[in-house]
Amino acid sequence: MQAATALIFEGTRAADDAFDRVVRDRGVQLLRIAWRILGNRADAEDVVQDVFLRLHRHGLDFPNEAALGAWLCRVAVNRCIDRSRRARPIGELPELIAANSSAEAAMLREEQKRILTQALAALPARERAAIVLREIEGLPTADVAAILGSSKSTVRSQISKAMTKLRAILAKEGE
């Protein structure tokens, strides 16, 4: 099976171009999702690389772009959940400061980012994935459900529980 898939990608410039386009178009989004779930850039990069290796083995045989995107996100989230079970310490999110920001505003954002990163790390992996996909990445609930392999009501429940936990954690930080 893998040999047949490899043949699809070998020798055809169109297939190579299509795969490269998917990597370019989806790589940043997958890295963002993985980083937010794992909190560690190195692990996130490993997950994204693994996702694209799996795509290469699978081939680009999807009915449409939406199906491809859902498959990529589902594989990325599942790989993140697998990795998070190994419980590596969560790292910092990258600095995303506008060029015209003041030093005080930058320090405040950095502190808020640190608090949010710690709060997200305290959530169970599936709740963290649901929050990242729905609330941070802005995906529709139906897409999040498809990615996580659960129902829309389960996703809504996970998000509700996660938000309650996040509020409690953030309230303690504010005291």
C-alpha atoms as a PDB file:
ATOM      1  CA  MET A   1       0.000   0.000   0.000  1.00  0.00           C
ATOM      2  CA  GLN A   2       2.752   2.449   0.924  1.00  0.00           C
ATOM      3  CA  ALA A   3       4.664   1.623  -2.253  1.00  0.00           C
ATOM      4  CA  ALA A   4       1.599   2.442  -4.347  1.00  0.00           C
ATOM      5  CA  THR A   5       1.137   5.739  -2.542  1.00  0.00           C
ATOM      6  CA  ALA A   6       4.814   6.562  -2.971  1.00  0.00           C
ATOM      7  CA  LEU A   7       4.413   5.990  -6.705  1.00  0.00           C
ATOM      8  CA  ILE A   8       1.642   8.576  -6.793  1.00  0.00           C
ATOM      9  CA  PHE A   9       4.082  11.201  -5.549  1.00  0.00           C
ATOM     10  CA  GLU A  10       7.155   9.985  -7.478  1.00  0.00           C
ATOM     11  CA  GLY A  11       7.640  11.007 -11.034  1.00  0.00           C
ATOM     12  CA  THR A  12       4.741  13.411 -11.371  1.00  0.00           C
ATOM     13  CA  ARG A  13       5.577  17.053 -11.116  1.00  0.00           C
ATOM     14  CA  ALA A  14       1.887  17.900 -10.598  1.00  0.00           C
ATOM     15  CA  ALA A  15       1.689  15.650  -7.544  1.00  0.00           C
ATOM     16  CA  ASP A  16       4.897  17.161  -6.144  1.00  0.00           C
ATOM     17  CA  ASP A  17       3.534  20.656  -6.712  1.00  0.00           C
ATOM     18  CA  ALA A  18       0.195  19.744  -5.100  1.00  0.00           C
ATOM     19  CA  PHE A  19       1.905  18.309  -2.019  1.00  0.00           C
ATOM     20  CA  ASP A  20       4.199  21.355  -1.740  1.00  0.00           C
ATOM     21  CA  ARG A  21       1.163  23.636  -2.004  1.00  0.00           C
ATOM     22  CA  VAL A  22      -0.582  21.791   0.838  1.00  0.00           C
ATOM     23  CA  VAL A  23       2.533  22.091   3.003  1.00  0.00           C
ATOM     24  CA  ARG A  24       2.780  25.822   2.265  1.00  0.00           C
ATOM     25  CA  ASP A  25      -0.946  26.495   2.695  1.00  0.00           C
ATOM     26  CA  ARG A  26      -1.552  24.415   5.819  1.00  0.00           C
ATOM     27  CA  GLY A  27       1.824  24.297   7.583  1.00  0.00           C
ATOM     28  CA  VAL A  28       1.495  27.542   9.540  1.00  0.00           C
ATOM     29  CA  GLN A  29      -2.036  26.744  10.719  1.00  0.00           C
ATOM     30  CA  LEU A  30      -1.023  23.243  11.863  1.00  0.00           C
ATOM     31  CA  LEU A  31       2.050  24.633  13.642  1.00  0.00           C
ATOM     32  CA  ARG A  32      -0.127  27.220  15.431  1.00  0.00           C
ATOM     33  CA  ILE A  33      -2.599  24.553  16.537  1.00  0.00           C
ATOM     34  CA  ALA A  34       0.118  22.153  17.699  1.00  0.00           C
ATOM     35  CA  TRP A  35       2.025  24.903  19.506  1.00  0.00           C
ATOM     36  CA  ARG A  36      -1.055  26.073  21.348  1.00  0.00           C
ATOM     37  CA  ILE A  37      -1.968  22.553  22.404  1.00  0.00           C
ATOM     38  CA  LEU A  38       1.557  21.487  23.353  1.00  0.00           C
ATOM     39  CA  GLY A  39       3.049  24.831  24.400  1.00  0.00           C
ATOM     40  CA  ASN A  40       6.417  23.776  23.013  1.00  0.00           C
ATOM     41  CA  ARG A  41       7.706  24.806  19.580  1.00  0.00           C
ATOM     42  CA  ALA A  42      10.038  21.843  19.101  1.00  0.00           C
ATOM     43  CA  ASP A  43       7.266  19.359  19.847  1.00  0.00           C
ATOM     44  CA  ALA A  44       4.851  21.300  17.642  1.00  0.00           C
ATOM     45  CA  GLU A  45       7.318  21.226  14.742  1.00  0.00           C
ATOM     46  CA  ASP A  46       7.770  17.465  15.226  1.00  0.00           C
ATOM     47  CA  VAL A  47       4.003  16.960  15.159  1.00  0.00           C
ATOM     48  CA  VAL A  48       3.587  19.001  11.961  1.00  0.00           C
ATOM     49  CA  GLN A  49       6.411  17.109  10.288  1.00  0.00           C
ATOM     50  CA  ASP A  50       4.784  13.830  11.305  1.00  0.00           C
ATOM     51  CA  VAL A  51       1.421  15.013   9.944  1.00  0.00           C
ATOM     52  CA  PHE A  52       2.944  15.794   6.552  1.00  0.00           C
ATOM     53  CA  LEU A  53       4.796  12.468   6.479  1.00  0.00           C
ATOM     54  CA  ARG A  54       1.485  10.727   7.108  1.00  0.00           C
ATOM     55  CA  LEU A  55      -0.128  12.813   4.362  1.00  0.00           C
ATOM     56  CA  HIS A  56       2.639  11.835   1.964  1.00  0.00           C
ATOM     57  CA  ARG A  57       1.998   8.155   2.733  1.00  0.00           C
ATOM     58  CA  HIS A  58      -1.781   8.651   2.515  1.00  0.00           C
ATOM     59  CA  GLY A  59      -1.744  10.671  -0.691  1.00  0.00           C
ATOM     60  CA  LEU A  60      -3.861  13.620  -1.693  1.00  0.00           C
ATOM     61  CA  ASP A  61      -6.975  11.609  -2.447  1.00  0.00           C
ATOM     62  CA  PHE A  62      -9.566  13.800  -0.687  1.00  0.00           C
ATOM     63  CA  PRO A  63     -12.936  14.796  -2.102  1.00  0.00           C
ATOM     64  CA  ASN A  64     -12.315  18.493  -1.422  1.00  0.00           C
ATOM     65  CA  GLU A  65     -10.177  21.035   0.454  1.00  0.00           C
ATOM     66  CA  ALA A  66     -12.434  20.891   3.529  1.00  0.00           C
ATOM     67  CA  ALA A  67     -11.948  17.134   3.863  1.00  0.00           C
ATOM     68  CA  LEU A  68      -8.188  17.559   3.493  1.00  0.00           C
ATOM     69  CA  GLY A  69      -8.128  20.311   6.134  1.00  0.00           C
ATOM     70  CA  ALA A  70     -10.223  18.275   8.566  1.00  0.00           C
ATOM     71  CA  TRP A  71      -7.970  15.234   8.074  1.00  0.00           C
ATOM     72  CA  LEU A  72      -4.813  17.300   8.654  1.00  0.00           C
ATOM     73  CA  CYS A  73      -6.232  18.921  11.809  1.00  0.00           C
ATOM     74  CA  ARG A  74      -7.511  15.599  13.152  1.00  0.00           C
ATOM     75  CA  VAL A  75      -4.102  13.940  12.696  1.00  0.00           C
ATOM     76  CA  ALA A  76      -2.325  16.953  14.233  1.00  0.00           C
ATOM     77  CA  VAL A  77      -4.612  17.066  17.283  1.00  0.00           C
ATOM     78  CA  ASN A  78      -4.343  13.309  17.807  1.00  0.00           C
ATOM     79  CA  ARG A  79      -0.542  13.480  17.606  1.00  0.00           C
ATOM     80  CA  CYS A  80      -0.577  16.406  20.069  1.00  0.00           C
ATOM     81  CA  ILE A  81      -2.752  14.460  22.496  1.00  0.00           C
ATOM     82  CA  ASP A  82      -0.390  11.489  22.219  1.00  0.00           C
ATOM     83  CA  ARG A  83       2.605  13.743  22.880  1.00  0.00           C
ATOM     84  CA  SER A  84       0.952  15.584  25.761  1.00  0.00           C
ATOM     85  CA  ARG A  85       0.474  12.282  27.546  1.00  0.00           C
ATOM     86  CA  ARG A  86       4.245  12.214  27.876  1.00  0.00           C
ATOM     87  CA  ALA A  87       3.852  15.395  29.982  1.00  0.00           C
ATOM     88  CA  ARG A  88       6.681  17.612  28.831  1.00  0.00           C
ATOM     89  CA  PRO A  89       6.764  20.991  30.554  1.00  0.00           C
ATOM     90  CA  ILE A  90       4.904  23.703  28.700  1.00  0.00           C
ATOM     91  CA  GLY A  91       7.024  26.484  27.204  1.00  0.00           C
ATOM     92  CA  GLU A  92       6.404  30.051  26.282  1.00  0.00           C
ATOM     93  CA  LEU A  93       4.391  31.251  23.312  1.00  0.00           C
ATOM     94  CA  PRO A  94       6.363  33.335  20.822  1.00  0.00           C
ATOM     95  CA  GLU A  95       6.533  37.080  21.086  1.00  0.00           C
ATOM     96  CA  LEU A  96       4.000  38.682  18.781  1.00  0.00           C
ATOM     97  CA  ILE A  97       4.568  42.373  19.482  1.00  0.00           C
ATOM     98  CA  ALA A  98       3.596  45.068  17.025  1.00  0.00           C
ATOM     99  CA  ALA A  99       6.512  47.262  15.964  1.00  0.00           C
ATOM    100  CA  ASN A 100       4.970  50.374  17.527  1.00  0.00           C
ATOM    101  CA  SER A 101       4.122  48.830  20.943  1.00  0.00           C
ATOM    102  CA  SER A 102       5.454  50.365  24.115  1.00  0.00           C
ATOM    103  CA  ALA A 103       7.720  48.433  26.439  1.00  0.00           C
ATOM    104  CA  GLU A 104       5.050  48.533  29.160  1.00  0.00           C
ATOM    105  CA  ALA A 105       2.401  47.104  26.825  1.00  0.00           C
ATOM    106  CA  ALA A 106       4.837  44.416  25.705  1.00  0.00           C
ATOM    107  CA  MET A 107       5.546  43.427  29.327  1.00  0.00           C
ATOM    108  CA  LEU A 108       1.832  43.269  30.103  1.00  0.00           C
ATOM    109  CA  ARG A 109       1.170  41.085  27.033  1.00  0.00           C
ATOM    110  CA  GLU A 110       4.063  38.809  27.997  1.00  0.00           C
ATOM    111  CA  GLU A 111       2.637  38.351  31.500  1.00  0.00           C
ATOM    112  CA  GLN A 112      -0.866  37.666  30.134  1.00  0.00           C
ATOM    113  CA  LYS A 113       0.588  35.172  27.663  1.00  0.00           C
ATOM    114  CA  ARG A 114       2.473  33.388  30.453  1.00  0.00           C
ATOM    115  CA  ILE A 115      -0.656  33.150  32.603  1.00  0.00           C
ATOM    116  CA  LEU A 116      -2.785  31.895  29.712  1.00  0.00           C
ATOM    117  CA  THR A 117      -0.133  29.339  28.693  1.00  0.00           C
ATOM    118  CA  GLN A 118      -0.038  27.974  32.242  1.00  0.00           C
ATOM    119  CA  ALA A 119      -3.829  27.903  32.453  1.00  0.00           C
ATOM    120  CA  LEU A 120      -4.125  26.034  29.140  1.00  0.00           C
ATOM    121  CA  ALA A 121      -1.465  23.567  30.283  1.00  0.00           C
ATOM    122  CA  ALA A 122      -3.585  22.733  33.326  1.00  0.00           C
ATOM    123  CA  LEU A 123      -6.468  21.519  31.147  1.00  0.00           C
ATOM    124  CA  PRO A 124      -6.862  17.903  30.023  1.00  0.00           C
ATOM    125  CA  ALA A 125      -5.519  17.410  26.485  1.00  0.00           C
ATOM    126  CA  ARG A 126      -8.897  16.978  24.755  1.00  0.00           C
ATOM    127  CA  GLU A 127     -10.381  20.046  26.460  1.00  0.00           C
ATOM    128  CA  ARG A 128      -7.254  22.030  25.576  1.00  0.00           C
ATOM    129  CA  ALA A 129      -7.558  20.864  21.946  1.00  0.00           C
ATOM    130  CA  ALA A 130     -11.234  21.866  21.820  1.00  0.00           C
ATOM    131  CA  ILE A 131     -10.454  25.338  23.219  1.00  0.00           C
ATOM    132  CA  VAL A 132      -7.542  25.883  20.831  1.00  0.00           C
ATOM    133  CA  LEU A 133      -9.494  24.772  17.769  1.00  0.00           C
ATOM    134  CA  ARG A 134     -12.798  26.507  18.550  1.00  0.00           C
ATOM    135  CA  GLU A 135     -11.953  29.580  20.610  1.00  0.00           C
ATOM    136  CA  ILE A 136      -8.449  30.435  19.412  1.00  0.00           C
ATOM    137  CA  GLU A 137      -8.379  29.127  15.825  1.00  0.00           C
ATOM    138  CA  GLY A 138     -12.057  29.991  15.299  1.00  0.00           C
ATOM    139  CA  LEU A 139     -13.119  26.725  13.671  1.00  0.00           C
ATOM    140  CA  PRO A 140     -16.846  25.919  13.624  1.00  0.00           C
ATOM    141  CA  THR A 141     -18.063  23.469  16.264  1.00  0.00           C
ATOM    142  CA  ALA A 142     -18.919  20.896  13.590  1.00  0.00           C
ATOM    143  CA  ASP A 143     -15.337  20.995  12.275  1.00  0.00           C
ATOM    144  CA  VAL A 144     -13.908  20.686  15.786  1.00  0.00           C
ATOM    145  CA  ALA A 145     -16.176  17.692  16.403  1.00  0.00           C
ATOM    146  CA  ALA A 146     -14.976  16.049  13.192  1.00  0.00           C
ATOM    147  CA  ILE A 147     -11.336  16.711  14.048  1.00  0.00           C
ATOM    148  CA  LEU A 148     -11.692  15.360  17.584  1.00  0.00           C
ATOM    149  CA  GLY A 149     -13.866  12.444  16.478  1.00  0.00           C
ATOM    150  CA  SER A 150     -16.740  13.381  18.744  1.00  0.00           C
ATOM    151  CA  SER A 151     -20.186  14.935  18.528  1.00  0.00           C
ATOM    152  CA  LYS A 152     -20.938  18.659  18.455  1.00  0.00           C
ATOM    153  CA  SER A 153     -22.612  18.389  21.873  1.00  0.00           C
ATOM    154  CA  THR A 154     -19.482  16.744  23.305  1.00  0.00           C
ATOM    155  CA  VAL A 155     -17.342  19.569  21.921  1.00  0.00           C
ATOM    156  CA  ARG A 156     -19.677  22.187  23.382  1.00  0.00           C
ATOM    157  CA  SER A 157     -19.504  20.366  26.729  1.00  0.00           C
ATOM    158  CA  GLN A 158     -15.698  20.152  26.604  1.00  0.00           C
ATOM    159  CA  ILE A 159     -15.448  23.859  25.800  1.00  0.00           C
ATOM    160  CA  SER A 160     -17.870  24.761  28.579  1.00  0.00           C
ATOM    161  CA  LYS A 161     -15.959  22.701  31.139  1.00  0.00           C
ATOM    162  CA  ALA A 162     -12.628  24.050  29.917  1.00  0.00           C
ATOM    163  CA  MET A 163     -13.833  27.656  30.068  1.00  0.00           C
ATOM    164  CA  THR A 164     -15.080  27.137  33.622  1.00  0.00           C
ATOM    165  CA  LYS A 165     -11.693  25.698  34.599  1.00  0.00           C
ATOM    166  CA  LEU A 166      -9.826  28.495  32.813  1.00  0.00           C
ATOM    167  CA  ARG A 167     -11.913  31.150  34.573  1.00  0.00           C
ATOM    168  CA  ALA A 168     -11.182  29.545  37.950  1.00  0.00           C
ATOM    169  CA  ILE A 169      -7.441  29.333  37.211  1.00  0.00           C
ATOM    170  CA  LEU A 170      -7.307  32.901  35.927  1.00  0.00           C
ATOM    171  CA  ALA A 171      -9.326  34.173  38.909  1.00  0.00           C
ATOM    172  CA  LYS A 172      -6.755  32.617  41.270  1.00  0.00           C
ATOM    173  CA  GLU A 173      -3.970  34.321  39.307  1.00  0.00           C
ATOM    174  CA  GLY A 174      -5.758  37.659  39.634  1.00  0.00           C
ATOM    175  CA  GLU A 175      -5.981  37.474  43.431  1.00  0.00           C
END
